[in-house]
C-alpha cells in the first residue's frame, strides 16, 4: 500500500503562508516568500529533501494551493504552476465545485468534490503503490493529519517569524511522532517525522 507523506515549508512559528493570499501574493503578505527561498538556492537545489518534494507518484492539494479564488472555477485560470508544473504525476485538487481535468505538460489536475477520503482513494489508484504526497496547503495537511491518514511528515523550517497567516498543525491534537531524520543549513532545517500508530 502507498505511504502517505507531506512536505511543508514553514516559518519558525509554524506558518505555511502569510495572511491575505491572493493572485498577486500566492503566499500572502509579510515575509512569507522566505519559507520557500531555500528551494531556489544553488546549495539546496539538488538536495534529497527537494527531490522528495517532487518525487511522489501522486499528489493531493487543496483548492487554495491550486488557485486563490472561491466559488465556481475561473476556467481561464490554470493554477499557480504555469505550463510546466513541478509535479510530473497526477494531482488531485480538493474543492466544492466541479471542473473538468486540466492537463499541463505531464501533470493532470483532477478536481475532487467528495472530500479527503475520495481524493486519497483516487490518488492510491493513480499511484499504483507509489508514494502519495499531501502537497498542501496547511489546512489540507491538517485535515489529513487529524484524520490519521498521513504516515510521514517532512517539515522544512525557515529562520523567519511571520506572526500571522495559515498555521500548520492548527486544530491537530494527540499525534505522536518519531523523528527519523534532520539536516540543517543557513536557510532551512529539514526534519522528518514518522507518525506513530497506537
Protein backbone atom coordinates (compact mmCIF):
# COMPACT_ATOMS: atom_id res chain seq x y z
CA UNK A 1 0.00 0.00 0.00
CA UNK A 2 1.16 3.55 -0.73
CA UNK A 3 2.89 5.53 2.00
CA UNK A 4 1.28 8.94 2.53
CA UNK A 5 3.67 11.81 3.23
CA UNK A 6 3.58 15.56 3.42
CA UNK A 7 6.33 18.07 2.70
CA UNK A 8 5.63 21.51 4.12
CA UNK A 9 7.82 24.59 4.19
CA UNK A 10 7.03 26.77 7.18
CA UNK A 11 8.26 29.62 9.35
CA UNK A 12 9.82 29.01 12.75
CA UNK A 13 6.48 29.88 14.35
CA UNK A 14 4.62 27.35 12.22
CA UNK A 15 3.06 29.37 9.39
CA UNK A 16 2.95 27.89 5.88
CA UNK A 17 1.57 31.10 4.32
CA UNK A 18 1.02 34.68 5.34
CA UNK A 19 -2.36 36.41 5.61
CA UNK A 20 -4.43 37.57 2.62
CA UNK A 21 -3.32 35.08 -0.01
CA UNK A 22 -4.37 36.23 -3.48
CA UNK A 23 -3.29 36.01 -7.12
CA UNK A 24 -0.76 38.82 -6.70
CA UNK A 25 0.64 37.28 -3.49
CA UNK A 26 0.37 33.46 -3.57
CA UNK A 27 1.97 33.12 -0.12
CA UNK A 28 0.17 36.13 1.36
CA UNK A 29 1.57 39.25 2.96
CA UNK A 30 4.66 39.63 5.12
CA UNK A 31 7.96 37.75 4.78
CA UNK A 32 6.20 34.60 3.54
CA UNK A 33 8.48 34.28 0.50
CA UNK A 34 11.27 33.39 2.91
CA UNK A 35 9.75 29.99 3.63
CA UNK A 36 10.40 28.74 0.09
CA UNK A 37 13.64 30.62 -0.65
CA UNK A 38 15.67 27.50 0.12
CA UNK A 39 14.07 25.71 -2.85
CA UNK A 40 15.79 28.12 -5.24
CA UNK A 41 19.19 28.16 -3.53
CA UNK A 42 22.03 26.57 -5.51
CA UNK A 43 23.28 24.59 -2.49
CA UNK A 44 19.82 23.14 -1.83
CA UNK A 45 18.72 22.71 -5.47
CA UNK A 46 19.84 19.08 -5.75
CA UNK A 47 19.20 18.07 -2.15
CA UNK A 48 17.40 14.87 -1.26
CA UNK A 49 14.76 16.95 0.51
CA UNK A 50 13.90 18.95 -2.60
CA UNK A 51 13.87 15.81 -4.74
CA UNK A 52 11.44 14.26 -2.23
CA UNK A 53 9.06 17.22 -2.61
CA UNK A 54 8.65 16.47 -6.32
CA UNK A 55 9.20 12.70 -6.28
CA UNK A 56 5.79 11.28 -5.36
CA UNK A 57 3.67 9.05 -7.59
CA UNK A 58 0.54 11.15 -6.89
CA UNK A 59 -0.32 14.37 -5.07
CA UNK A 60 -3.28 15.86 -3.25
CA UNK A 61 -3.71 19.59 -2.74
CA UNK A 62 -6.38 21.94 -1.53
CA UNK A 63 -8.21 24.43 -3.69
CA UNK A 64 -6.16 27.33 -2.33
CA UNK A 65 -2.92 25.66 -3.39
CA UNK A 66 -4.25 25.37 -6.93
CA UNK A 67 -5.55 28.94 -7.01
CA UNK A 68 -6.80 31.66 -4.67
CA UNK A 69 -10.36 32.10 -5.91
CA UNK A 70 -13.51 30.71 -4.30
CA UNK A 71 -16.82 29.83 -5.87
CA UNK A 72 -17.01 28.43 -9.38
CA UNK A 73 -13.65 27.92 -11.08
CA UNK A 74 -12.32 30.58 -13.42
CA UNK A 75 -11.71 28.24 -16.36
CA UNK A 76 -9.05 30.60 -17.73
CA UNK A 77 -7.05 30.13 -14.51
CA UNK A 78 -4.58 27.28 -14.94
CA UNK A 79 -3.15 27.29 -11.42
CA UNK A 80 -0.10 28.83 -9.81
CA UNK A 81 2.24 26.39 -11.54
CA UNK A 82 2.49 27.66 -15.12
CA UNK A 83 2.75 25.45 -18.21
CA UNK A 84 5.36 23.12 -16.63
CA UNK A 85 4.15 22.16 -13.12
CA UNK A 86 6.82 20.63 -10.86
CA UNK A 87 4.77 17.54 -10.01
CA UNK A 88 5.15 15.23 -13.04
CA UNK A 89 2.43 12.96 -11.62
CA UNK A 90 -1.35 13.05 -11.15
CA UNK A 91 -2.60 15.80 -8.81
CA UNK A 92 -5.99 15.65 -7.08
CA UNK A 93 -7.39 19.05 -6.08
CA UNK A 94 -9.93 19.19 -3.23
CA UNK A 95 -12.78 21.64 -3.63
CA UNK A 96 -16.53 22.18 -3.63
CA UNK A 97 -17.03 22.95 -7.33
CA UNK A 98 -16.69 20.62 -10.29
CA UNK A 99 -14.25 21.20 -13.10
CA UNK A 100 -13.02 19.01 -15.93
CA UNK A 101 -9.46 17.68 -15.51
CA UNK A 102 -6.70 20.04 -16.60
CA UNK A 103 -3.50 18.70 -18.18
CA UNK A 104 -0.37 20.83 -18.22
CA UNK A 105 2.72 19.15 -19.66
CA UNK A 106 2.95 15.73 -17.90
CA UNK A 107 0.72 16.72 -14.95
CA UNK A 108 -3.05 16.22 -14.86
CA UNK A 109 -5.04 18.08 -12.20
CA UNK A 110 -8.26 16.23 -11.31
CA UNK A 111 -10.80 18.18 -9.28
CA UNK A 112 -12.44 16.23 -6.45
CA UNK A 113 -15.62 17.32 -4.67
CA UNK A 114 -16.15 14.27 -2.45
CA UNK A 115 -13.70 15.14 0.34
CA UNK A 116 -10.37 13.93 1.63
CA UNK A 117 -11.15 10.20 1.57
CA UNK A 118 -12.33 10.23 -2.04
CA UNK A 119 -9.20 12.16 -3.07
CA UNK A 120 -6.98 9.68 -1.25
CA UNK A 121 -8.73 6.70 -2.87
CA UNK A 122 -8.19 8.25 -6.31
CA UNK A 123 -4.56 9.03 -5.50
CA UNK A 124 -3.94 5.46 -4.29
CA UNK A 125 -5.29 4.10 -7.55
CA UNK A 126 -3.20 6.51 -9.61
CA UNK A 127 -0.02 5.93 -7.56
CA UNK A 128 -0.06 2.16 -8.10
CA UNK A 129 1.63 1.51 -4.76
CA UNK A 130 3.96 4.51 -5.05
CA UNK A 131 4.19 7.34 -2.55
CA UNK A 132 1.34 9.85 -2.22
CA UNK A 133 2.18 13.36 -1.04
CA UNK A 134 -0.33 15.69 0.59
CA UNK A 135 1.19 18.77 -1.03
CA UNK A 136 -0.74 21.37 0.93
CA UNK A 137 -1.72 23.89 1.83
CA UNK A 138 -1.64 23.80 5.58
CA UNK A 139 -5.40 23.39 6.03
CA UNK A 140 -5.44 20.36 3.75
CA UNK A 141 -2.48 18.78 5.55
CA UNK A 142 -4.18 19.47 8.89
CA UNK A 143 -7.35 17.67 7.73
CA UNK A 144 -5.42 14.57 6.63
CA UNK A 145 -3.27 14.55 9.76
CA UNK A 146 -6.27 14.94 12.08
CA UNK A 147 -7.95 12.03 10.27
CA UNK A 148 -4.90 9.80 10.85
CA UNK A 149 -4.15 9.45 7.14
CA UNK A 150 -0.52 10.68 6.98
CA UNK A 151 2.38 8.28 7.63
CA UNK A 152 5.34 10.68 7.45
CA UNK A 153 5.71 14.43 7.96
CA UNK A 154 8.63 16.33 6.45
CA UNK A 155 8.85 19.94 7.58
CA UNK A 156 11.26 22.47 6.13
CA UNK A 157 11.60 25.12 8.83
CA UNK A 158 12.98 28.51 7.83
CA UNK A 159 14.53 31.09 10.17
CA UNK A 160 11.76 33.67 9.95
CA UNK A 161 8.93 34.52 12.36
CA UNK A 162 5.78 35.53 10.50
CA UNK A 163 3.39 36.08 13.40
CA UNK A 164 0.20 35.51 11.39
CA UNK A 165 -1.20 33.60 8.46
CA UNK A 166 -2.16 29.97 7.90
CA UNK A 167 -0.60 27.73 10.52
CA UNK A 168 0.45 24.14 10.04
CA UNK A 169 -0.92 21.75 12.73
CA UNK A 170 -3.76 24.14 13.67
CA UNK A 171 -6.51 22.08 15.33
CA UNK A 172 -4.50 18.84 15.20
CA UNK A 173 -4.36 17.02 18.55
CA UNK A 174 -2.78 13.93 20.05
CA UNK A 175 -0.49 12.91 17.17
CA UNK A 176 2.64 11.11 18.39
CA UNK A 177 5.75 11.38 16.23
CA UNK A 178 9.19 9.80 15.97
CA UNK A 179 11.97 11.91 14.48
CA UNK A 180 13.79 9.87 11.83
CA UNK A 181 15.99 12.45 10.09
CA UNK A 182 17.25 16.01 10.41
CA UNK A 183 19.60 18.23 8.42
CA UNK A 184 20.17 21.96 8.55
CA UNK A 185 21.66 24.77 6.50
CA UNK A 186 21.70 28.56 6.81
CA UNK A 187 18.35 28.79 5.00
CA UNK A 188 16.36 25.83 6.32
CA UNK A 189 16.19 22.93 8.76
CA UNK A 190 14.77 19.74 7.24
CA UNK A 191 13.13 17.44 9.81
CA UNK A 192 11.37 14.16 9.06
CA UNK A 193 8.93 12.53 11.48
CA UNK A 194 7.19 9.17 11.31
CA UNK A 195 3.61 9.21 12.61
CA UNK A 196 3.27 6.62 15.38
CA UNK A 197 0.16 4.45 15.40
CA UNK A 198 -1.39 3.02 18.55
